[in-house]
C-alpha atoms as a PDB file:
ATOM      1  CA  MET A   1     -33.876 -62.079 -28.366  1.00  0.00           C
ATOM      2  CA  ILE A   2     -37.371 -62.661 -30.850  1.00  0.00           C
ATOM      3  CA  TYR A   3     -36.631 -64.472 -33.686  1.00  0.00           C
ATOM      4  CA  ASN A   4     -38.345 -66.006 -36.959  1.00  0.00           C
ATOM      5  CA  ASP A   5     -36.778 -67.128 -40.413  1.00  0.00           C
ATOM      6  CA  LYS A   6     -37.369 -62.628 -41.574  1.00  0.00           C
ATOM      7  CA  PHE A   7     -35.804 -60.903 -38.299  1.00  0.00           C
ATOM      8  CA  ILE A   8     -33.713 -61.320 -35.180  1.00  0.00           C
ATOM      9  CA  TRP A   9     -34.737 -58.665 -32.577  1.00  0.00           C
ATOM     10  CA  LEU A  10     -31.719 -57.989 -30.259  1.00  0.00           C
ATOM     11  CA  HIS A  11     -32.824 -56.975 -26.766  1.00  0.00           C
ATOM     12  CA  PHE A  12     -29.571 -54.339 -25.846  1.00  0.00           C
ATOM     13  CA  PRO A  13     -30.268 -53.701 -22.214  1.00  0.00           C
ATOM     14  CA  LYS A  14     -31.488 -50.135 -21.841  1.00  0.00           C
ATOM     15  CA  CYS A  15     -32.858 -49.505 -24.675  1.00  0.00           C
ATOM     16  CA  ALA A  16     -36.704 -50.061 -24.047  1.00  0.00           C
ATOM     17  CA  GLY A  17     -36.246 -53.599 -24.546  1.00  0.00           C
ATOM     18  CA  VAL A  18     -39.057 -54.604 -22.005  1.00  0.00           C
ATOM     19  CA  LYS A  19     -41.502 -52.573 -23.927  1.00  0.00           C
ATOM     20  CA  VAL A  20     -40.754 -54.266 -27.274  1.00  0.00           C
ATOM     21  CA  GLU A  21     -41.037 -57.553 -25.045  1.00  0.00           C
ATOM     22  CA  SER A  22     -44.444 -56.621 -23.602  1.00  0.00           C
ATOM     23  CA  LEU A  23     -46.006 -55.310 -26.413  1.00  0.00           C
ATOM     24  CA  PHE A  24     -44.726 -58.871 -28.185  1.00  0.00           C
ATOM     25  CA  ARG A  25     -46.346 -61.008 -25.537  1.00  0.00           C
ATOM     26  CA  LYS A  26     -49.120 -59.192 -25.381  1.00  0.00           C
ATOM     27  CA  TYR A  27     -50.147 -58.986 -29.009  1.00  0.00           C
ATOM     28  CA  TYR A  28     -48.188 -61.524 -31.507  1.00  0.00           C
ATOM     29  CA  TYR A  29     -47.343 -64.386 -28.379  1.00  0.00           C
ATOM     30  CA  ASP A  30     -49.318 -67.471 -30.899  1.00  0.00           C
ATOM     31  CA  VAL A  31     -47.740 -65.927 -34.345  1.00  0.00           C
ATOM     32  CA  PRO A  32     -46.891 -69.313 -35.863  1.00  0.00           C
ATOM     33  CA  GLY A  33     -42.577 -69.717 -36.634  1.00  0.00           C
ATOM     34  CA  LEU A  34     -42.196 -66.210 -34.009  1.00  0.00           C
ATOM     35  CA  ILE A  35     -39.877 -67.107 -31.300  1.00  0.00           C
ATOM     36  CA  GLN A  36     -39.114 -65.307 -28.285  1.00  0.00           C
ATOM     37  CA  ASP A  37     -36.683 -66.030 -25.181  1.00  0.00           C
ATOM     38  CA  VAL A  38     -38.583 -66.240 -21.481  1.00  0.00           C
ATOM     39  CA  VAL A  39     -37.951 -63.376 -19.549  1.00  0.00           C
ATOM     40  CA  ASP A  40     -37.103 -65.170 -16.571  1.00  0.00           C
ATOM     41  CA  PRO A  41     -33.770 -64.405 -14.037  1.00  0.00           C
ATOM     42  CA  LYS A  42     -34.735 -66.895 -11.928  1.00  0.00           C
ATOM     43  CA  ASN A  43     -34.482 -69.853 -14.662  1.00  0.00           C
ATOM     44  CA  ASP A  44     -31.960 -68.102 -16.432  1.00  0.00           C
ATOM     45  CA  ALA A  45     -29.026 -67.122 -14.899  1.00  0.00           C
ATOM     46  CA  SER A  46     -27.675 -65.905 -17.830  1.00  0.00           C
ATOM     47  CA  ALA A  47     -30.010 -63.968 -19.197  1.00  0.00           C
ATOM     48  CA  SER A  48     -30.116 -65.481 -22.539  1.00  0.00           C
ATOM     49  CA  TRP A  49     -32.617 -63.008 -23.047  1.00  0.00           C
ATOM     50  CA  HIS A  50     -29.731 -60.732 -24.009  1.00  0.00           C
ATOM     51  CA  ASP A  51     -27.346 -62.395 -26.092  1.00  0.00           C
ATOM     52  CA  SER A  52     -25.890 -61.125 -28.508  1.00  0.00           C
ATOM     53  CA  VAL A  53     -25.892 -62.781 -32.054  1.00  0.00           C
ATOM     54  CA  ALA A  54     -22.395 -64.525 -31.986  1.00  0.00           C
ATOM     55  CA  THR A  55     -23.266 -65.424 -27.897  1.00  0.00           C
ATOM     56  CA  ARG A  56     -26.491 -67.234 -29.647  1.00  0.00           C
ATOM     57  CA  LEU A  57     -24.623 -68.875 -32.922  1.00  0.00           C
ATOM     58  CA  ASN A  58     -22.485 -69.676 -29.716  1.00  0.00           C
ATOM     59  CA  LYS A  59     -24.648 -71.307 -27.498  1.00  0.00           C
ATOM     60  CA  ASN A  60     -27.108 -72.969 -29.600  1.00  0.00           C
ATOM     61  CA  PRO A  61     -25.433 -74.732 -33.780  1.00  0.00           C
ATOM     62  CA  GLU A  62     -28.844 -74.879 -34.979  1.00  0.00           C
ATOM     63  CA  PHE A  63     -29.350 -71.462 -34.665  1.00  0.00           C
ATOM     64  CA  THR A  64     -28.133 -69.095 -38.233  1.00  0.00           C
ATOM     65  CA  LEU A  65     -28.441 -65.464 -39.209  1.00  0.00           C
ATOM     66  CA  GLY A  66     -28.259 -66.444 -42.526  1.00  0.00           C
ATOM     67  CA  ASP A  67     -28.930 -63.061 -44.086  1.00  0.00           C
ATOM     68  CA  LYS A  68     -32.359 -61.883 -41.732  1.00  0.00           C
ATOM     69  CA  GLU A  69     -32.451 -58.200 -40.928  1.00  0.00           C
ATOM     70  CA  ILE A  70     -30.832 -57.582 -37.238  1.00  0.00           C
ATOM     71  CA  ILE A  71     -33.226 -55.310 -35.174  1.00  0.00           C
ATOM     72  CA  CYS A  72     -31.302 -53.020 -32.860  1.00  0.00           C
ATOM     73  CA  PRO A  73     -32.400 -50.822 -30.181  1.00  0.00           C
ATOM     74  CA  ILE A  74     -30.282 -47.793 -29.506  1.00  0.00           C
ATOM     75  CA  ARG A  75     -30.575 -44.494 -28.861  1.00  0.00           C
ATOM     76  CA  LYS A  76     -28.433 -41.221 -27.362  1.00  0.00           C
ATOM     77  CA  LEU A  77     -25.310 -42.252 -24.578  1.00  0.00           C
ATOM     78  CA  PRO A  78     -26.245 -39.332 -22.141  1.00  0.00           C
ATOM     79  CA  SER A  79     -29.765 -41.053 -22.500  1.00  0.00           C
ATOM     80  CA  TRP A  80     -28.653 -44.273 -22.104  1.00  0.00           C
ATOM     81  CA  LEU A  81     -26.261 -44.048 -18.991  1.00  0.00           C
ATOM     82  CA  ILE A  82     -28.683 -41.188 -16.975  1.00  0.00           C
ATOM     83  CA  SER A  83     -30.987 -45.077 -17.220  1.00  0.00           C
ATOM     84  CA  ARG A  84     -28.381 -47.627 -17.116  1.00  0.00           C
ATOM     85  CA  TYR A  85     -26.945 -45.168 -13.924  1.00  0.00           C
ATOM     86  CA  ASN A  86     -30.164 -44.901 -12.627  1.00  0.00           C
ATOM     87  CA  PHE A  87     -30.525 -49.117 -13.180  1.00  0.00           C
ATOM     88  CA  GLU A  88     -27.508 -49.567 -11.627  1.00  0.00           C
ATOM     89  CA  CYS A  89     -27.995 -47.383  -8.457  1.00  0.00           C
ATOM     90  CA  GLY A  90     -31.658 -48.936  -7.664  1.00  0.00           C
ATOM     91  CA  ARG A  91     -30.251 -52.649  -7.439  1.00  0.00           C
ATOM     92  CA  SER A  92     -27.505 -51.931  -5.759  1.00  0.00           C
ATOM     93  CA  PRO A  93     -27.176 -49.415  -3.795  1.00  0.00           C
ATOM     94  CA  GLU A  94     -25.217 -51.285  -1.488  1.00  0.00           C
ATOM     95  CA  LEU A  95     -22.297 -50.267  -3.564  1.00  0.00           C
ATOM     96  CA  ASN A  96     -20.409 -47.195  -4.596  1.00  0.00           C
ATOM     97  CA  HIS A  97     -21.829 -45.571  -7.195  1.00  0.00           C
ATOM     98  CA  ASN A  98     -19.713 -42.618  -8.617  1.00  0.00           C
ATOM     99  CA  PRO A  99     -21.875 -40.298 -11.573  1.00  0.00           C
ATOM    100  CA  GLU A 100     -19.049 -38.407 -11.825  1.00  0.00           C
ATOM    101  CA  LEU A 101     -17.851 -41.362 -13.996  1.00  0.00           C
ATOM    102  CA  LEU A 102     -20.592 -41.271 -15.835  1.00  0.00           C
ATOM    103  CA  VAL A 103     -18.352 -38.594 -18.608  1.00  0.00           C
ATOM    104  CA  THR A 104     -15.915 -41.534 -19.073  1.00  0.00           C
ATOM    105  CA  GLY A 105     -18.722 -43.907 -20.433  1.00  0.00           C
ATOM    106  CA  ARG A 106     -17.645 -46.140 -17.015  1.00  0.00           C
ATOM    107  CA  PHE A 107     -20.177 -47.139 -14.727  1.00  0.00           C
ATOM    108  CA  LEU A 108     -20.236 -49.772 -11.803  1.00  0.00           C
ATOM    109  CA  GLU A 109     -23.104 -53.012 -12.136  1.00  0.00           C
ATOM    110  CA  ALA A 110     -25.082 -54.804  -9.126  1.00  0.00           C
ATOM    111  CA  SER A 111     -22.021 -57.798  -9.918  1.00  0.00           C
ATOM    112  CA  GLY A 112     -18.789 -54.871  -8.974  1.00  0.00           C
ATOM    113  CA  VAL A 113     -17.647 -54.513 -12.352  1.00  0.00           C
ATOM    114  CA  LEU A 114     -16.549 -51.713 -14.286  1.00  0.00           C
ATOM    115  CA  ASN A 115     -17.748 -51.514 -17.191  1.00  0.00           C
ATOM    116  CA  HIS A 116     -17.632 -48.934 -20.249  1.00  0.00           C
ATOM    117  CA  ALA A 117     -20.483 -48.036 -22.760  1.00  0.00           C
ATOM    118  CA  ASP A 118     -17.950 -49.194 -25.817  1.00  0.00           C
ATOM    119  CA  VAL A 119     -17.723 -52.341 -24.182  1.00  0.00           C
ATOM    120  CA  TYR A 120     -22.301 -52.482 -24.923  1.00  0.00           C
ATOM    121  CA  ILE A 121     -22.000 -51.767 -28.555  1.00  0.00           C
ATOM    122  CA  GLN A 122     -19.087 -54.028 -29.224  1.00  0.00           C
ATOM    123  CA  ASN A 123     -20.529 -56.705 -28.140  1.00  0.00           C
ATOM    124  CA  TYR A 124     -24.419 -56.300 -29.749  1.00  0.00           C
ATOM    125  CA  LEU A 125     -22.785 -54.286 -32.531  1.00  0.00           C
ATOM    126  CA  PRO A 126     -19.310 -55.757 -34.006  1.00  0.00           C
ATOM    127  CA  GLN A 127     -18.149 -54.391 -36.572  1.00  0.00           C
ATOM    128  CA  SER A 128     -18.023 -57.325 -38.406  1.00  0.00           C
ATOM    129  CA  LEU A 129     -22.033 -57.691 -37.995  1.00  0.00           C
ATOM    130  CA  LEU A 130     -22.016 -53.936 -38.963  1.00  0.00           C
ATOM    131  CA  ASP A 131     -20.722 -54.497 -41.976  1.00  0.00           C
ATOM    132  CA  LYS A 132     -22.830 -57.085 -43.117  1.00  0.00           C
ATOM    133  CA  GLY A 133     -25.347 -54.034 -43.688  1.00  0.00           C
ATOM    134  CA  ARG A 134     -28.335 -55.648 -42.838  1.00  0.00           C
ATOM    135  CA  VAL A 135     -28.390 -53.757 -39.245  1.00  0.00           C
ATOM    136  CA  SER A 136     -31.439 -51.321 -38.846  1.00  0.00           C
ATOM    137  CA  PHE A 137     -31.797 -49.215 -35.799  1.00  0.00           C
ATOM    138  CA  LEU A 138     -34.969 -49.198 -33.664  1.00  0.00           C
ATOM    139  CA  ARG A 139     -34.188 -45.502 -31.526  1.00  0.00           C
ATOM    140  CA  VAL A 140     -36.244 -44.946 -28.641  1.00  0.00           C
ATOM    141  CA  GLU A 141     -36.216 -41.184 -29.028  1.00  0.00           C
ATOM    142  CA  ASN A 142     -38.228 -42.104 -32.432  1.00  0.00           C
ATOM    143  CA  PHE A 143     -39.169 -45.180 -30.741  1.00  0.00           C
ATOM    144  CA  GLU A 144     -43.459 -45.601 -31.470  1.00  0.00           C
ATOM    145  CA  ALA A 145     -42.825 -44.854 -35.238  1.00  0.00           C
ATOM    146  CA  ASP A 146     -39.389 -46.658 -35.564  1.00  0.00           C
ATOM    147  CA  PHE A 147     -41.684 -50.139 -34.722  1.00  0.00           C
ATOM    148  CA  ILE A 148     -43.471 -49.454 -36.721  1.00  0.00           C
ATOM    149  CA  GLU A 149     -41.813 -49.183 -39.386  1.00  0.00           C
ATOM    150  CA  LEU A 150     -38.946 -51.895 -39.156  1.00  0.00           C
ATOM    151  CA  PHE A 151     -41.018 -55.215 -37.525  1.00  0.00           C
ATOM    152  CA  GLY A 152     -43.871 -53.997 -39.427  1.00  0.00           C
ATOM    153  CA  LYS A 153     -42.652 -55.931 -42.850  1.00  0.00           C
ATOM    154  CA  TYR A 154     -43.210 -59.140 -40.228  1.00  0.00           C
ATOM    155  CA  ILE A 155     -46.309 -58.602 -38.188  1.00  0.00           C
ATOM    156  CA  ASP A 156     -49.605 -56.422 -38.060  1.00  0.00           C
ATOM    157  CA  VAL A 157     -48.787 -53.529 -36.365  1.00  0.00           C
ATOM    158  CA  SER A 158     -51.841 -52.401 -36.462  1.00  0.00           C
ATOM    159  CA  ILE A 159     -53.473 -54.364 -34.316  1.00  0.00           C
ATOM    160  CA  ILE A 160     -51.282 -52.268 -31.195  1.00  0.00           C
ATOM    161  CA  PRO A 161     -53.805 -49.767 -29.827  1.00  0.00           C
ATOM    162  CA  LYS A 162     -51.684 -46.383 -30.051  1.00  0.00           C
ATOM    163  CA  GLU A 163     -51.858 -45.426 -26.333  1.00  0.00           C
ATOM    164  CA  GLU A 164     -49.731 -48.520 -25.804  1.00  0.00           C
ATOM    165  CA  PHE A 165     -46.769 -46.692 -27.081  1.00  0.00           C
ATOM    166  CA  ALA A 166     -47.160 -43.671 -24.865  1.00  0.00           C
ATOM    167  CA  GLN A 167     -46.905 -45.632 -21.941  1.00  0.00           C
ATOM    168  CA  ARG A 168     -43.613 -46.624 -20.840  1.00  0.00           C
ATOM    169  CA  GLU A 169     -41.681 -49.600 -18.526  1.00  0.00           C
ATOM    170  CA  ASN A 170     -39.421 -50.793 -15.732  1.00  0.00           C
ATOM    171  CA  ILE A 171     -38.538 -46.970 -15.094  1.00  0.00           C
ATOM    172  CA  SER A 172     -35.595 -46.392 -12.440  1.00  0.00           C
ATOM    173  CA  LYS A 173     -36.164 -43.623  -9.757  1.00  0.00           C
ATOM    174  CA  ASN A 174     -33.196 -40.646 -10.499  1.00  0.00           C
ATOM    175  CA  TYR A 175     -30.337 -41.036  -7.995  1.00  0.00           C
ATOM    176  CA  LEU A 176     -28.458 -38.783 -10.701  1.00  0.00           C
ATOM    177  CA  PRO A 177     -27.311 -34.843  -9.380  1.00  0.00           C
ATOM    178  CA  GLU A 178     -28.605 -32.559 -11.911  1.00  0.00           C
ATOM    179  CA  GLU A 179     -25.028 -31.141 -12.820  1.00  0.00           C
ATOM    180  CA  ILE A 180     -24.051 -34.361 -13.848  1.00  0.00           C
ATOM    181  CA  VAL A 181     -27.572 -34.350 -16.442  1.00  0.00           C
ATOM    182  CA  HIS A 182     -26.442 -31.411 -17.584  1.00  0.00           C
ATOM    183  CA  LYS A 183     -23.083 -32.398 -17.710  1.00  0.00           C
ATOM    184  CA  LEU A 184     -23.981 -35.031 -20.103  1.00  0.00           C
ATOM    185  CA  ILE A 185     -26.519 -33.792 -22.240  1.00  0.00           C
ATOM    186  CA  SER A 186     -24.204 -30.317 -22.877  1.00  0.00           C
ATOM    187  CA  SER A 187     -20.427 -31.616 -23.439  1.00  0.00           C
ATOM    188  CA  GLN A 188     -19.154 -34.183 -26.255  1.00  0.00           C
ATOM    189  CA  GLU A 189     -16.669 -35.364 -23.578  1.00  0.00           C
ATOM    190  CA  VAL A 190     -18.980 -38.382 -23.598  1.00  0.00           C
ATOM    191  CA  TYR A 191     -18.453 -39.127 -26.789  1.00  0.00           C
ATOM    192  CA  THR A 192     -14.812 -38.354 -27.143  1.00  0.00           C
ATOM    193  CA  ASN A 193     -14.407 -41.329 -24.111  1.00  0.00           C
ATOM    194  CA  CYS A 194     -17.113 -43.712 -25.654  1.00  0.00           C
ATOM    195  CA  PRO A 195     -16.038 -43.386 -29.678  1.00  0.00           C
ATOM    196  CA  LYS A 196     -17.879 -47.176 -30.588  1.00  0.00           C
ATOM    197  CA  TRP A 197     -20.742 -45.653 -29.521  1.00  0.00           C
ATOM    198  CA  PHE A 198     -20.637 -42.545 -31.352  1.00  0.00           C
ATOM    199  CA  SER A 199     -19.915 -44.203 -34.163  1.00  0.00           C
ATOM    200  CA  VAL A 200     -22.562 -46.067 -34.327  1.00  0.00           C
ATOM    201  CA  GLU A 201     -25.190 -43.102 -32.836  1.00  0.00           C
ATOM    202  CA  LYS A 202     -23.951 -40.920 -35.926  1.00  0.00           C
ATOM    203  CA  LEU A 203     -25.026 -44.532 -38.224  1.00  0.00           C
ATOM    204  CA  ALA A 204     -28.423 -44.876 -36.372  1.00  0.00           C
ATOM    205  CA  PHE A 205     -29.465 -40.962 -36.629  1.00  0.00           C
ATOM    206  CA  SER A 206     -28.629 -40.457 -39.804  1.00  0.00           C
ATOM    207  CA  SER A 207     -29.635 -43.360 -41.638  1.00  0.00           C
ATOM    208  CA  ARG A 208     -33.195 -42.377 -41.757  1.00  0.00           C
END
């Protein structure tokens, strides 16, 4: 999570969060009033940098939402599931990761939990938060333009060299068969099985 008195950025997993964290650490580490959670799995087993608004409010009574803009990254569901699957395979190769489950929106996490894409949407973007009308989406597929538009209201984005935006980070090895990738990209079935994600994605990609 990165925030100040004007905005809160949520580190929604597998949505270019590492890239955003990297840009802020490199170019905005000394901006007055800007708070950036330390990303350190060894010293923070709870991964607080991945906190949702509700989780942070429960942890820290002094943390307030107020009328801050909530900037949340999002990407199209097939792309997210592909990224998630490859990430989980890479960090827990000993588990039986079943790529056929992806079309249902499900994937096995390193903890052994069989999770679902809509669980992540419900955690970071519950309807109660969306209803406040303060959520803006940083679309991974439109990363540079959205980053500049959204954060440009609060920080000087002109100091970031253009080539920085072209450099990808935290890239996982591909473990998915090509036929599964094709099925995810070409079929509507995965959206039928993930109605919450479908609703939020439609909102994010039709809003601007």
